[in-house]
Amino acid sequence: MPNNQKDSFDSTHLLVFLYRWRKVIISITAVGFAASILVSLLIRNKYKSTVILFPTTTSSVSKALLGDNRSSKDDILQFGEEEEAEQMLQILNSNVIRDSIIERYHLLEHYDIDPESETKQTDLYREYEGNITFQRTEFMSVKVEVLDTDREKAALMANDIAALYDTIISRIKKDRAQVGFQYVEQTYRTLEREIFKTQDSLNMLMKLGVMDYESQAERLNEALGKAILDGKTQAAQILREELNKLSKYGEAYMSLRDNLEFLRKQLSDVRIKYEMAKLDMEETLPDKFIVDKAFAAERKSYPVRWLIVVISTTATFILSILLIIAMESLNRIRKDTAHKITKE
């Protein structure tokens, strides 16, 4: 068998190949092993703190506490479902929470990002997103995880993020509730003024003697008929004058009376809305249930040094074999090419 064929056969035989290049492979792998240990030791330890949150379903304090026809969604003790969990994730990922945490904990400095860099904002946000994550669980809760080189700071940041969620939700709701309250209050005050004016006009008619149009008209007509039958001319004349006055102001009296009753009913309905809008504006309910608060981790979560060493060493071993195979293949091609040229 020719030497080149024999070499080709030997090179493709894995065990023989590994044995022949064992020293080179072992040397390269040993260097990779040592380098991976060194690199893993240079990576700073990071500690993980976790908060588990459940969203609530309650959107309005007044409906939850004062509403007559409350559904399960208005129950302040009801856990939220998929929709509420997705809304919670959206808010937790908002720029408002991110920028608040960055400012409160001076993360630009804490993450050792050059304040003079042109990409400092991008680098800061990338570092933030790499260390702080939000994930919905299969039970419709939301898990907030914070990694940091300072175990105490990791726990503080996780708990502050949970607190900021309530702050932001409350602010959004209060802004909206204030607009609603102003509208209801304006309607309420307008009705109060209308009732006062109507009652004042009604009082003027009552001073003129119109107390109760229907019953007064009935009694006066009865008295007039009796006076006529009894031949009491003067009394009949007085009763006619009273009836004329009643007739003159009666229509206005009934209109004002009916309008007053209508306005009072409207005011009663609006008063309920007014009290509910006021409650929504002034009071808040927590918009989350905290299942687990964050605490300072006792052990690091990152890096897993043994895993880094194993993966790096394995990768170095495989890469060294591939490089040697590539070198042998290249040499074989060169020999074959030279042999052909020599024959020609």
Protein backbone atom coordinates (compact mmCIF):
# COMPACT_ATOMS: atom_id res chain seq x y z
CA MET A 1 0.00 0.00 0.00
CA PRO A 2 1.44 3.44 -0.93
CA ASN A 3 2.52 5.68 1.90
CA ASN A 4 0.03 8.42 1.09
CA GLN A 5 -2.86 5.94 1.09
CA LYS A 6 -1.64 4.47 4.32
CA ASP A 7 -1.40 7.93 5.84
CA SER A 8 -4.91 8.69 4.62
CA PHE A 9 -6.22 5.51 6.14
CA ASP A 10 -4.42 6.12 9.44
CA SER A 11 -5.67 9.71 9.60
CA THR A 12 -9.25 8.63 9.27
CA HIS A 13 -8.98 6.08 11.97
CA LEU A 14 -10.01 8.07 15.03
CA LEU A 15 -8.17 6.15 17.71
CA VAL A 16 -4.95 5.98 15.75
CA PHE A 17 -5.29 9.62 14.83
CA LEU A 18 -5.80 10.73 18.42
CA TYR A 19 -2.91 8.61 19.63
CA ARG A 20 -0.55 9.99 16.99
CA TRP A 21 -1.43 13.60 17.83
CA ARG A 22 -1.98 13.01 21.54
CA LYS A 23 0.81 15.31 22.71
CA VAL A 24 -0.34 18.23 20.58
CA ILE A 25 -4.01 17.71 21.49
CA ILE A 26 -3.23 17.35 25.20
CA SER A 27 -1.02 20.47 25.13
CA ILE A 28 -3.63 22.61 23.41
CA THR A 29 -6.41 21.28 25.67
CA ALA A 30 -4.29 21.94 28.76
CA VAL A 31 -3.73 25.54 27.63
CA GLY A 32 -7.48 25.94 27.07
CA PHE A 33 -8.18 24.40 30.46
CA ALA A 34 -5.80 26.79 32.22
CA ALA A 35 -7.14 29.77 30.27
CA SER A 36 -10.75 28.90 31.11
CA ILE A 37 -9.89 28.68 34.81
CA LEU A 38 -8.19 32.06 34.66
CA VAL A 39 -11.09 33.66 32.77
CA SER A 40 -13.68 32.18 35.14
CA LEU A 41 -11.77 33.55 38.11
CA LEU A 42 -11.70 37.03 36.55
CA ILE A 43 -15.51 37.11 36.20
CA ARG A 44 -17.10 38.90 39.14
CA ASN A 45 -19.63 37.05 41.24
CA LYS A 46 -23.25 38.05 40.82
CA TYR A 47 -26.08 37.42 43.27
CA LYS A 48 -29.69 36.86 42.27
CA SER A 49 -32.73 38.24 44.10
CA THR A 50 -36.26 37.35 43.05
CA VAL A 51 -39.73 38.81 43.64
CA ILE A 52 -42.89 36.90 42.70
CA LEU A 53 -45.92 39.09 41.95
CA PHE A 54 -49.53 38.33 41.13
CA PRO A 55 -51.58 41.09 39.43
CA THR A 56 -55.01 41.98 40.76
CA THR A 57 -58.20 42.31 38.72
CA THR A 58 -59.49 45.42 40.50
CA SER A 59 -59.48 48.54 38.33
CA SER A 60 -61.57 50.85 40.52
CA VAL A 61 -61.61 51.34 44.28
CA SER A 62 -65.21 52.56 44.23
CA LYS A 63 -66.51 49.64 42.20
CA ALA A 64 -64.64 47.17 44.38
CA LEU A 65 -65.95 48.65 47.64
CA LEU A 66 -69.21 50.45 46.81
CA GLY A 67 -70.50 48.88 43.62
CA ASP A 68 -73.87 47.12 43.82
CA ASN A 69 -73.39 44.64 40.97
CA ARG A 70 -69.87 43.50 41.58
CA SER A 71 -68.40 40.79 39.37
CA SER A 72 -65.37 38.65 40.12
CA LYS A 73 -63.24 41.26 38.35
CA ASP A 74 -64.28 43.83 40.95
CA ASP A 75 -63.27 41.60 43.85
CA ILE A 76 -60.25 43.10 45.61
CA LEU A 77 -59.16 39.59 46.64
CA GLN A 78 -59.29 38.15 43.11
CA PHE A 79 -55.99 37.22 41.42
CA GLY A 80 -55.44 38.47 37.90
CA GLU A 81 -55.30 36.27 34.83
CA GLU A 82 -53.36 36.28 31.56
CA GLU A 83 -54.48 39.73 30.45
CA GLU A 84 -53.53 41.35 33.76
CA ALA A 85 -50.20 39.47 33.83
CA GLU A 86 -49.35 40.78 30.34
CA GLN A 87 -50.27 44.31 31.40
CA MET A 88 -48.03 43.94 34.45
CA LEU A 89 -45.13 42.82 32.25
CA GLN A 90 -45.66 45.80 29.96
CA ILE A 91 -45.44 48.24 32.85
CA LEU A 92 -42.46 46.48 34.48
CA ASN A 93 -40.61 46.78 31.15
CA SER A 94 -41.51 50.46 30.80
CA ASN A 95 -38.94 53.23 30.50
CA VAL A 96 -40.36 54.86 33.63
CA ILE A 97 -39.35 51.98 35.91
CA ARG A 98 -36.05 51.44 34.13
CA ASP A 99 -35.02 55.09 34.35
CA SER A 100 -36.16 55.35 37.98
CA ILE A 101 -34.03 52.36 39.01
CA ILE A 102 -31.05 53.63 36.99
CA GLU A 103 -31.24 57.04 38.66
CA ARG A 104 -31.95 55.76 42.18
CA TYR A 105 -29.05 53.30 42.22
CA HIS A 106 -26.59 55.27 40.05
CA LEU A 107 -26.25 52.32 37.70
CA LEU A 108 -24.10 54.17 35.17
CA GLU A 109 -21.37 54.35 37.79
CA HIS A 110 -22.25 51.01 39.39
CA TYR A 111 -21.90 49.16 36.08
CA ASP A 112 -18.55 50.87 35.40
CA ILE A 113 -19.75 52.48 32.17
CA ASP A 114 -17.69 55.37 30.85
CA PRO A 115 -19.81 58.53 31.28
CA GLU A 116 -17.92 60.12 28.37
CA SER A 117 -18.69 57.30 25.95
CA GLU A 118 -20.83 58.11 22.93
CA THR A 119 -22.74 54.85 23.46
CA LYS A 120 -23.09 55.11 27.24
CA GLN A 121 -26.91 55.08 27.12
CA THR A 122 -27.03 52.02 24.88
CA ASP A 123 -24.42 50.23 27.00
CA LEU A 124 -26.31 51.13 30.17
CA TYR A 125 -29.64 49.85 28.86
CA ARG A 126 -28.02 46.65 27.58
CA GLU A 127 -26.41 46.03 30.97
CA TYR A 128 -29.72 46.77 32.74
CA GLU A 129 -31.62 44.34 30.52
CA GLY A 130 -28.95 41.69 31.03
CA ASN A 131 -29.15 41.95 34.82
CA ILE A 132 -32.85 42.66 35.37
CA THR A 133 -35.44 40.39 33.79
CA PHE A 134 -39.22 39.95 33.99
CA GLN A 135 -40.94 36.69 33.16
CA ARG A 136 -44.52 35.45 33.30
CA THR A 137 -44.86 32.07 34.96
CA GLU A 138 -47.25 29.24 34.11
CA PHE A 139 -49.37 30.23 37.12
CA MET A 140 -50.02 33.76 35.74
CA SER A 141 -47.65 35.37 38.21
CA VAL A 142 -44.70 37.55 37.19
CA LYS A 143 -41.17 36.83 38.33
CA VAL A 144 -38.75 39.74 38.76
CA GLU A 145 -35.10 38.66 38.83
CA VAL A 146 -32.19 40.99 39.57
CA LEU A 147 -28.53 40.00 39.21
CA ASP A 148 -25.87 42.19 40.78
CA THR A 149 -22.38 42.04 42.19
CA ASP A 150 -23.76 43.55 45.41
CA ARG A 151 -26.15 41.07 47.04
CA GLU A 152 -27.86 43.74 49.17
CA LYS A 153 -28.35 46.03 46.21
CA ALA A 154 -29.84 43.21 44.14
CA ALA A 155 -32.52 42.63 46.81
CA LEU A 156 -33.23 46.34 47.20
CA MET A 157 -33.62 46.84 43.45
CA ALA A 158 -35.99 43.88 43.12
CA ASN A 159 -38.23 45.13 45.94
CA ASP A 160 -38.12 48.71 44.65
CA ILE A 161 -39.22 47.57 41.19
CA ALA A 162 -42.25 45.90 42.79
CA ALA A 163 -43.02 49.09 44.72
CA LEU A 164 -42.59 51.26 41.62
CA TYR A 165 -45.17 49.15 39.80
CA ASP A 166 -47.83 50.21 42.33
CA THR A 167 -46.66 53.83 42.17
CA ILE A 168 -46.97 54.01 38.39
CA ILE A 169 -50.35 52.26 38.27
CA SER A 170 -51.68 54.55 41.02
CA ARG A 171 -50.46 57.66 39.21
CA ILE A 172 -52.07 56.59 35.93
CA LYS A 173 -55.36 55.81 37.66
CA LYS A 174 -55.34 59.00 39.72
CA ASP A 175 -54.73 61.15 36.64
CA ARG A 176 -57.70 59.54 34.93
CA ALA A 177 -59.84 59.57 38.08
CA GLN A 178 -59.17 63.27 38.58
CA VAL A 179 -60.52 64.10 35.13
CA GLY A 180 -63.60 61.99 35.82
CA PHE A 181 -64.11 63.56 39.24
CA GLN A 182 -63.90 67.09 37.84
CA TYR A 183 -66.59 66.28 35.28
CA VAL A 184 -68.90 64.65 37.86
CA GLU A 185 -68.30 67.45 40.36
CA GLN A 186 -69.19 70.06 37.75
CA THR A 187 -72.43 68.20 36.97
CA TYR A 188 -73.18 67.82 40.69
CA ARG A 189 -72.66 71.51 41.45
CA THR A 190 -74.74 72.54 38.43
CA LEU A 191 -77.63 70.39 39.64
CA GLU A 192 -77.33 71.89 43.12
CA ARG A 193 -77.61 75.40 41.67
CA GLU A 194 -80.59 74.40 39.51
CA ILE A 195 -82.35 72.89 42.51
CA PHE A 196 -81.71 76.04 44.58
CA LYS A 197 -83.13 78.29 41.84
CA THR A 198 -86.16 76.05 41.30
CA GLN A 199 -86.85 75.84 45.02
CA ASP A 200 -86.53 79.62 45.32
CA SER A 201 -89.06 80.15 42.50
CA LEU A 202 -91.37 77.62 44.10
CA ASN A 203 -91.13 79.41 47.43
CA MET A 204 -92.21 82.67 45.78
CA LEU A 205 -95.33 80.97 44.40
CA MET A 206 -96.03 79.48 47.80
CA LYS A 207 -95.88 82.97 49.30
CA LEU A 208 -98.56 83.95 46.80
CA GLY A 209 -100.73 81.22 48.24
CA VAL A 210 -100.11 78.36 45.83
CA MET A 211 -99.23 75.54 48.21
CA ASP A 212 -100.54 72.43 46.48
CA TYR A 213 -102.32 73.13 43.21
CA GLU A 214 -104.36 69.93 42.85
CA SER A 215 -105.69 69.72 46.41
CA GLN A 216 -106.20 73.52 46.64
CA ALA A 217 -108.16 73.61 43.38
CA GLU A 218 -110.32 70.72 44.52
CA ARG A 219 -111.09 72.30 47.90
CA LEU A 220 -111.76 75.77 46.42
CA ASN A 221 -114.12 74.36 43.80
CA GLU A 222 -116.02 72.46 46.49
CA ALA A 223 -116.21 75.59 48.67
CA LEU A 224 -117.30 77.75 45.70
CA GLY A 225 -120.10 75.35 44.81
CA LYS A 226 -121.34 75.29 48.39
CA ALA A 227 -121.18 79.12 48.64
CA ILE A 228 -123.25 79.48 45.45
CA LEU A 229 -125.80 76.97 46.71
CA ASP A 230 -125.97 78.75 50.06
CA GLY A 231 -126.36 82.09 48.30
CA LYS A 232 -123.23 83.52 49.87
CA THR A 233 -122.33 85.96 47.12
CA GLN A 234 -119.41 87.69 48.85
CA ALA A 235 -117.80 84.41 49.86
CA ALA A 236 -118.29 83.09 46.34
CA GLN A 237 -116.53 86.16 44.92
CA ILE A 238 -113.56 85.69 47.24
CA LEU A 239 -113.35 82.02 46.27
CA ARG A 240 -113.47 82.93 42.56
CA GLU A 241 -110.56 85.34 43.07
CA GLU A 242 -108.62 82.61 44.83
CA LEU A 243 -109.35 80.20 41.98
CA ASN A 244 -108.28 82.78 39.41
CA LYS A 245 -105.00 83.31 41.26
CA LEU A 246 -104.53 79.58 41.52
CA SER A 247 -105.25 79.18 37.84
CA LYS A 248 -102.80 81.97 37.00
CA TYR A 249 -99.87 80.45 38.90
CA GLY A 250 -100.92 76.81 38.96
CA GLU A 251 -99.26 75.77 35.73
CA ALA A 252 -95.97 77.40 36.75
CA TYR A 253 -96.25 75.76 40.17
CA MET A 254 -96.73 72.27 38.73
CA SER A 255 -93.92 72.77 36.24
CA LEU A 256 -91.51 73.91 38.95
CA ARG A 257 -92.63 71.18 41.34
CA ASP A 258 -92.19 68.40 38.77
CA ASN A 259 -88.86 69.82 37.63
CA LEU A 260 -87.67 70.00 41.24
CA GLU A 261 -88.56 66.36 41.76
CA PHE A 262 -86.71 65.41 38.57
CA LEU A 263 -83.64 67.44 39.54
CA ARG A 264 -83.56 65.91 43.01
CA LYS A 265 -83.64 62.41 41.53
CA GLN A 266 -80.84 63.35 39.16
CA LEU A 267 -78.85 64.81 42.04
CA SER A 268 -79.30 61.59 44.01
CA ASP A 269 -77.91 59.54 41.11
CA VAL A 270 -75.04 61.94 40.49
CA ARG A 271 -74.24 62.08 44.21
CA ILE A 272 -73.45 58.35 44.13
CA LYS A 273 -71.17 58.85 41.12
CA TYR A 274 -69.64 61.88 42.81
CA GLU A 275 -68.78 59.89 45.94
CA MET A 276 -67.37 57.04 43.85
CA ALA A 277 -65.27 59.37 41.69
CA LYS A 278 -63.99 61.13 44.80
CA LEU A 279 -63.02 57.81 46.35
CA ASP A 280 -61.19 56.76 43.18
CA MET A 281 -59.30 60.04 43.16
CA GLU A 282 -58.32 60.07 46.84
CA GLU A 283 -57.82 56.40 47.69
CA THR A 284 -55.80 53.58 46.15
CA LEU A 285 -55.65 49.83 46.51
CA PRO A 286 -52.51 47.74 45.88
CA ASP A 287 -52.47 46.52 42.28
CA LYS A 288 -50.43 43.43 43.06
CA PHE A 289 -50.06 40.56 45.48
CA ILE A 290 -46.48 39.93 46.60
CA VAL A 291 -45.96 36.21 47.08
CA ASP A 292 -42.20 36.30 47.75
CA LYS A 293 -40.21 39.39 48.63
CA ALA A 294 -36.59 39.64 47.55
CA PHE A 295 -33.83 39.03 50.08
CA ALA A 296 -30.06 39.21 49.90
CA ALA A 297 -28.79 35.94 48.42
CA GLU A 298 -26.31 33.96 50.49
CA ARG A 299 -24.69 32.28 47.50
CA LYS A 300 -23.70 33.57 44.11
CA SER A 301 -25.77 32.62 41.07
CA TYR A 302 -23.26 33.62 38.43
CA PRO A 303 -20.81 32.59 37.11
CA VAL A 304 -20.96 28.79 37.30
CA ARG A 305 -17.20 28.36 37.08
CA TRP A 306 -17.05 24.59 36.71
CA LEU A 307 -19.46 24.79 33.78
CA ILE A 308 -17.36 27.49 32.11
CA VAL A 309 -14.23 25.34 32.54
CA VAL A 310 -15.91 22.16 31.26
CA ILE A 311 -17.45 23.86 28.20
CA SER A 312 -14.29 25.81 27.35
CA THR A 313 -12.01 22.77 27.76
CA THR A 314 -14.32 20.57 25.67
CA ALA A 315 -14.53 23.24 22.98
CA THR A 316 -10.71 23.57 22.96
CA PHE A 317 -10.32 19.81 22.66
CA ILE A 318 -12.73 19.57 19.71
CA LEU A 319 -11.25 22.65 18.04
CA SER A 320 -7.72 21.26 18.32
CA ILE A 321 -8.80 18.03 16.58
CA LEU A 322 -10.53 19.98 13.80
CA LEU A 323 -7.46 22.16 13.26
CA ILE A 324 -5.16 19.15 13.05
CA ILE A 325 -7.51 17.44 10.60
CA ALA A 326 -7.59 20.63 8.53
CA MET A 327 -3.78 20.87 8.58
CA GLU A 328 -3.38 17.22 7.53
CA SER A 329 -5.92 17.59 4.76
CA LEU A 330 -4.13 20.69 3.49
CA ASN A 331 -0.74 18.94 3.56
CA ARG A 332 -2.19 15.92 1.73
CA ILE A 333 -3.61 18.17 -0.98
CA ARG A 334 -0.24 19.84 -1.38
CA LYS A 335 1.57 16.44 -1.64
CA ASP A 336 -0.94 15.15 -4.18
CA THR A 337 -0.58 18.30 -6.22
CA ALA A 338 3.24 18.10 -6.11
CA HIS A 339 3.14 14.41 -7.08
CA LYS A 340 0.97 15.14 -10.13
CA ILE A 341 3.27 17.95 -11.22
CA THR A 342 6.30 15.64 -10.90
CA LYS A 343 4.62 12.96 -13.05
CA GLU A 344 3.78 15.47 -15.73
